[in-house]
Each structure stands twice: as C-alpha cells, then as structure tokens.
C-alpha cells in the first residue's frame, strides 16, 4: 500500500512550503485546501519537479459536512497516511465584540474542531497500520493570551496543549506527535496584520520555506515542540518569566499596535 503525507492548508504559506519540502524528500502527498484550481496547479508542479504522486482535494474545513465526506473517502480508500500535517488556520484581528460571529465560528471550526477530527480519524488509521507521525501547526501565540486576537491565541493554545497530550497518549501506538509554533512569517496570513510595518521590518520575519525546512528537520529528530528561530524561542519563553497580569497587558499592547484600524 502506497504511503502519503496529508497536508491541510497546502495552497499557500507554510502549508505549501511543507508540501514542497516533503516532495523534495520523495514523499507522496495528499493536499487539502479550499481552492481547487490552485491545488491542481501545485500538484502538477510538484509532480513534475520531484517525480512524486500528488493528489489533492478541495475541501472547506469550516464546513463539517464537507469534512465528513472527505474523511469517508479516506476511510474507504486504499492510501495509507503515515504523516498528517494540520496546517490550515484562520486568524481574526481586533476587538472580540466587534467581530462577525460567523468568522469567529469558522476560526473555531478550522483551528480546533477540524484539526481534532483529523487527528482522531487519521490517528485511528495510523494505529491500525502500526504507527505514523502527526504535526499540528500552532503559533508562538499559543504561549500567552492575546487581547485583540483573543480567539486566535486561544485556538493555538488548544492546539499546543492538545498536541502535547496526544504525544503521550499515542506513543504506545507508535504514533509520534509534534507541534510547530512559528512566529510571524512572510505569508498572506500575516500580510494584513503588518500592513503598517516598514518594508525593512519584513526582512526580520522568517520565510515559509525557512520554517518548513526547520520543521522537517525537527520531525526527523522527533521534537515535541518545534519553534523555528532563536527570537521566536525567546518570545515563547518570556511569558513564563513574568506575572500573568503583565503578560496579558504586554500581549494586548503588542496586538493592538498591529491590528488593522
């Protein structure tokens, strides 16, 4: 049975960079995102460049019924997934009460519910086939509360803690679980947040390709928490050094300074 790496959020940013990094290593891929045309173009390019099999499925993970259909296809298919990369994610910026509720609900559906459901479904399949590896993508936002990005920070904290817990639970099933916590990265996701930044500041951010390369190498070493970049590792560690009231205030000041006005 052929083995595949399943990557969600694979049409752009870190998800796309991870797909390329894994294809470069000869991994067959199943790419998932909302944009069918974009996925098809990526699949053709990666197949031609690296000679791997690249399948794709257009699926909006914020819609539970569509996710159910996709999971049923995986269950009935003959392709074994030995690496699951949950990279799809949504972010919102600004005061919580000022957000459109449907957007907030989509964030929870994608960042938390879809990720958890994929871990459950694919994890059970991995257990039946003798093991595998799961990489969930969180953020350094997971390490502190985030006023003016409250739902996003909370969702990433869930991903961090959930992944650490699964790592212990699934060890007996020979399933390795890691969580990737990148800092701000030069992606479309971050573009609006940094729109008032000076162009020179963009150079301080890691590229998706740098994050992906670091993550793939860390997976080889079975790292539990993967934080690319020394600066990001310091940012993730700082909340443990100060009182919680101060962490809340400083995080809120930082987020409010960059939120779209």
Protein backbone atom coordinates (compact mmCIF):
# COMPACT_ATOMS: atom_id res chain seq x y z
CA UNK A 1 0.00 0.00 0.00
CA UNK A 2 1.38 3.38 -1.03
CA UNK A 3 2.06 5.85 1.78
CA UNK A 4 1.21 9.54 1.75
CA UNK A 5 1.63 12.72 3.75
CA UNK A 6 -1.68 14.56 4.15
CA UNK A 7 -1.31 18.35 4.42
CA UNK A 8 -4.16 20.76 5.10
CA UNK A 9 -3.84 24.45 4.24
CA UNK A 10 -1.50 23.37 1.43
CA UNK A 11 -2.34 26.04 -1.13
CA UNK A 12 -0.12 28.79 0.30
CA UNK A 13 2.23 29.88 3.07
CA UNK A 14 3.74 27.36 5.45
CA UNK A 15 1.46 24.55 4.22
CA UNK A 16 2.70 24.93 0.65
CA UNK A 17 6.30 25.20 1.81
CA UNK A 18 5.93 22.00 3.84
CA UNK A 19 4.44 20.24 0.81
CA UNK A 20 7.43 21.25 -1.30
CA UNK A 21 9.93 20.26 1.41
CA UNK A 22 8.34 16.82 1.76
CA UNK A 23 8.04 16.31 -2.01
CA UNK A 24 11.73 17.15 -2.31
CA UNK A 25 12.34 14.19 0.02
CA UNK A 26 10.34 11.88 -2.24
CA UNK A 27 7.13 11.84 -0.21
CA UNK A 28 3.79 11.21 -1.95
CA UNK A 29 1.27 13.87 -0.96
CA UNK A 30 -2.44 14.49 -0.45
CA UNK A 31 -3.04 18.25 -0.43
CA UNK A 32 -6.16 19.81 1.08
CA UNK A 33 -7.35 23.41 0.81
CA UNK A 34 -10.36 25.36 -0.44
CA UNK A 35 -9.05 26.46 -3.86
CA UNK A 36 -9.30 23.59 -6.33
CA UNK A 37 -7.58 25.39 -9.22
CA UNK A 38 -4.69 26.42 -7.01
CA UNK A 39 -4.28 22.88 -5.66
CA UNK A 40 -4.32 21.37 -9.14
CA UNK A 41 -1.59 23.73 -10.29
CA UNK A 42 0.55 22.93 -7.24
CA UNK A 43 0.03 19.18 -7.68
CA UNK A 44 1.15 19.30 -11.31
CA UNK A 45 4.21 21.40 -10.47
CA UNK A 46 5.37 19.21 -7.57
CA UNK A 47 4.85 16.04 -9.60
CA UNK A 48 6.91 17.38 -12.48
CA UNK A 49 9.70 18.73 -10.26
CA UNK A 50 10.10 15.84 -7.85
CA UNK A 51 8.54 12.80 -9.53
CA UNK A 52 6.18 12.05 -6.64
CA UNK A 53 2.46 11.34 -6.68
CA UNK A 54 0.49 14.37 -5.56
CA UNK A 55 -3.25 14.05 -5.00
CA UNK A 56 -5.49 16.90 -3.94
CA UNK A 57 -8.94 17.53 -2.51
CA UNK A 58 -10.73 20.86 -2.40
CA UNK A 59 -12.43 20.97 0.99
CA UNK A 60 -13.55 23.85 3.19
CA UNK A 61 -12.65 22.60 6.66
CA UNK A 62 -15.02 25.12 8.25
CA UNK A 63 -17.92 23.05 6.89
CA UNK A 64 -18.30 19.87 8.99
CA UNK A 65 -20.33 18.01 6.36
CA UNK A 66 -17.67 18.51 3.71
CA UNK A 67 -15.02 17.35 6.15
CA UNK A 68 -17.13 14.27 6.92
CA UNK A 69 -17.27 13.45 3.21
CA UNK A 70 -13.53 13.79 2.87
CA UNK A 71 -12.86 11.57 5.89
CA UNK A 72 -15.22 8.94 4.46
CA UNK A 73 -13.23 8.98 1.22
CA UNK A 74 -10.02 8.45 3.17
CA UNK A 75 -11.54 5.58 5.15
CA UNK A 76 -12.82 3.80 2.05
CA UNK A 77 -9.66 4.42 0.02
CA UNK A 78 -6.54 2.30 -0.18
CA UNK A 79 -4.00 5.01 0.50
CA UNK A 80 -2.17 4.85 3.81
CA UNK A 81 -1.39 8.16 5.52
CA UNK A 82 1.73 7.92 7.66
CA UNK A 83 2.18 11.69 8.15
CA UNK A 84 -0.63 14.13 8.95
CA UNK A 85 0.16 17.85 8.83
CA UNK A 86 -2.64 20.05 10.17
CA UNK A 87 -1.59 23.44 8.81
CA UNK A 88 -4.93 25.03 7.86
CA UNK A 89 -5.74 28.00 10.04
CA UNK A 90 -7.75 31.22 10.30
CA UNK A 91 -6.92 34.40 12.19
CA UNK A 92 -9.04 37.38 13.23
CA UNK A 93 -7.86 40.78 14.42
CA UNK A 94 -9.48 43.49 16.51
CA UNK A 95 -11.96 43.68 19.42
CA UNK A 96 -13.77 40.40 20.02
CA UNK A 97 -17.21 42.02 20.30
CA UNK A 98 -16.64 43.79 17.01
CA UNK A 99 -16.00 40.60 15.07
CA UNK A 100 -18.52 38.99 12.76
CA UNK A 101 -19.67 35.89 14.61
CA UNK A 102 -19.63 33.64 11.53
CA UNK A 103 -15.96 34.46 11.01
CA UNK A 104 -15.22 33.61 14.64
CA UNK A 105 -17.14 30.35 14.26
CA UNK A 106 -15.17 29.48 11.11
CA UNK A 107 -11.95 30.06 13.07
CA UNK A 108 -13.05 27.64 15.78
CA UNK A 109 -14.22 25.08 13.20
CA UNK A 110 -10.91 25.13 11.32
CA UNK A 111 -8.31 25.80 14.03
CA UNK A 112 -9.81 23.48 16.64
CA UNK A 113 -12.62 21.17 15.50
CA UNK A 114 -11.32 20.15 12.07
CA UNK A 115 -7.79 19.65 13.40
CA UNK A 116 -9.06 17.50 16.27
CA UNK A 117 -11.30 15.48 14.00
CA UNK A 118 -8.49 14.80 11.53
CA UNK A 119 -6.22 13.70 14.37
CA UNK A 120 -8.92 11.31 15.57
CA UNK A 121 -9.74 9.81 12.16
CA UNK A 122 -6.23 9.60 10.74
CA UNK A 123 -4.78 8.69 14.13
CA UNK A 124 -7.03 5.64 14.33
CA UNK A 125 -5.95 4.62 10.84
CA UNK A 126 -2.29 5.03 11.79
CA UNK A 127 -2.79 2.90 14.89
CA UNK A 128 -4.27 0.11 12.77
CA UNK A 129 -1.32 0.26 10.36
CA UNK A 130 1.39 0.24 13.01
CA UNK A 131 2.14 3.91 13.53
CA UNK A 132 2.81 7.24 11.90
CA UNK A 133 3.50 10.88 12.64
CA UNK A 134 1.31 13.93 13.27
CA UNK A 135 2.42 17.55 13.00
CA UNK A 136 -0.07 20.16 14.23
CA UNK A 137 0.68 23.79 13.43
CA UNK A 138 0.09 26.21 16.29
CA UNK A 139 1.97 29.51 16.80
CA UNK A 140 4.07 31.32 19.39
CA UNK A 141 0.70 32.98 20.11
CA UNK A 142 -0.12 29.73 21.92
CA UNK A 143 2.12 30.69 24.84
CA UNK A 144 0.19 33.75 26.02
CA UNK A 145 -3.33 35.20 25.98
CA UNK A 146 -3.88 37.71 23.17
CA UNK A 147 -6.22 40.63 23.67
CA UNK A 148 -7.42 41.93 20.28
CA UNK A 149 -6.65 38.49 18.84
CA UNK A 150 -8.34 36.59 21.65
CA UNK A 151 -9.93 33.73 19.71
CA UNK A 152 -6.84 33.11 17.61
CA UNK A 153 -4.48 32.95 20.60
CA UNK A 154 -6.91 30.68 22.47
CA UNK A 155 -7.25 28.34 19.49
CA UNK A 156 -3.49 28.00 19.18
CA UNK A 157 -3.14 27.36 22.91
CA UNK A 158 -5.61 24.49 22.41
CA UNK A 159 -3.51 23.09 19.56
CA UNK A 160 -0.34 23.25 21.68
CA UNK A 161 -1.82 21.54 24.73
CA UNK A 162 -3.82 19.02 22.71
CA UNK A 163 -0.71 18.02 20.74
CA UNK A 164 1.43 17.62 23.86
CA UNK A 165 -1.25 15.42 25.43
CA UNK A 166 -1.61 13.29 22.30
CA UNK A 167 2.14 12.78 22.20
CA UNK A 168 1.93 10.89 25.49
CA UNK A 169 -1.28 9.01 24.70
CA UNK A 170 -0.31 7.84 21.22
CA UNK A 171 3.23 6.80 22.00
CA UNK A 172 2.01 3.27 22.74
CA UNK A 173 0.52 3.18 19.22
CA UNK A 174 3.88 4.14 17.67
CA UNK A 175 2.41 7.49 16.60
CA UNK A 176 4.75 10.44 17.06
CA UNK A 177 3.09 13.81 17.67
CA UNK A 178 4.79 17.18 17.30
CA UNK A 179 3.53 20.77 17.32
CA UNK A 180 5.02 23.55 15.20
CA UNK A 181 4.91 27.03 16.75
CA UNK A 182 6.22 29.56 14.22
CA UNK A 183 6.42 33.26 14.84
CA UNK A 184 5.16 35.90 12.38
CA UNK A 185 6.10 34.66 8.91
CA UNK A 186 6.11 36.25 5.46
CA UNK A 187 2.77 34.80 4.37
CA UNK A 188 -0.58 36.12 3.17
CA UNK A 189 -1.97 35.32 6.61
CA UNK A 190 0.30 37.94 8.16
CA UNK A 191 0.12 40.49 5.33
CA UNK A 192 -2.85 42.46 6.64
CA UNK A 193 -1.56 42.45 10.22
CA UNK A 194 1.73 44.03 9.17
CA UNK A 195 0.36 46.43 6.59
CA UNK A 196 1.61 49.45 8.52
CA UNK A 197 5.07 47.98 9.04
CA UNK A 198 8.09 49.45 7.32
CA UNK A 199 9.31 47.37 4.34
CA UNK A 200 12.64 46.80 6.09
CA UNK A 201 10.87 45.14 9.01
CA UNK A 202 9.63 42.39 6.69
CA UNK A 203 13.20 41.12 6.36
CA UNK A 204 13.20 40.27 10.07
CA UNK A 205 10.47 37.67 9.51
CA UNK A 206 11.23 34.08 8.57
CA UNK A 207 10.08 32.89 5.17
CA UNK A 208 7.66 29.94 4.86
CA UNK A 209 10.46 27.94 3.28
CA UNK A 210 12.76 28.54 6.26
CA UNK A 211 10.02 27.49 8.66
CA UNK A 212 9.24 24.36 6.63
CA UNK A 213 12.89 23.29 6.40
CA UNK A 214 13.35 23.74 10.15
CA UNK A 215 10.13 21.81 10.84
CA UNK A 216 11.00 18.85 8.60
CA UNK A 217 14.43 18.52 10.17
CA UNK A 218 12.88 18.70 13.65
CA UNK A 219 10.42 15.95 12.69
CA UNK A 220 13.39 13.75 11.81
CA UNK A 221 14.56 14.21 15.41
CA UNK A 222 11.05 13.68 16.78
CA UNK A 223 10.95 17.05 18.55
CA UNK A 224 7.82 17.59 20.66
CA UNK A 225 7.58 21.40 20.34
CA UNK A 226 9.16 22.97 17.27
CA UNK A 227 9.82 26.72 17.42
CA UNK A 228 11.80 27.99 14.41
CA UNK A 229 14.09 30.93 15.08
CA UNK A 230 16.02 31.97 18.19
CA UNK A 231 14.00 35.19 18.56
CA UNK A 232 10.74 33.23 18.49
CA UNK A 233 12.02 30.81 21.12
CA UNK A 234 12.76 33.76 23.40
CA UNK A 235 9.28 35.20 22.81
CA UNK A 236 7.70 31.85 23.64
CA UNK A 237 9.73 31.58 26.87
CA UNK A 238 9.17 35.12 28.17
CA UNK A 239 5.56 34.64 29.44
CA UNK A 240 6.86 32.10 31.97
CA UNK A 241 9.19 34.68 33.48
CA UNK A 242 6.65 37.38 34.39
CA UNK A 243 3.34 37.62 36.26
CA UNK A 244 0.24 36.75 34.27
CA UNK A 245 -1.29 40.23 34.64
CA UNK A 246 1.79 41.73 32.99
CA UNK A 247 1.81 39.12 30.22
CA UNK A 248 -1.82 39.95 29.39
CA UNK A 249 -1.13 43.68 29.25
CA UNK A 250 2.01 43.43 27.12
CA UNK A 251 0.44 40.95 24.72
CA UNK A 252 -2.58 43.20 24.31
CA UNK A 253 -0.39 46.25 23.69
CA UNK A 254 1.56 44.38 21.02
CA UNK A 255 -1.53 43.06 19.25
CA UNK A 256 -3.40 46.35 19.38
CA UNK A 257 -0.46 48.17 17.83
CA UNK A 258 -0.57 45.95 14.76
CA UNK A 259 -4.29 45.27 14.37
CA UNK A 260 -5.98 46.81 11.32
CA UNK A 261 -7.71 50.06 12.15
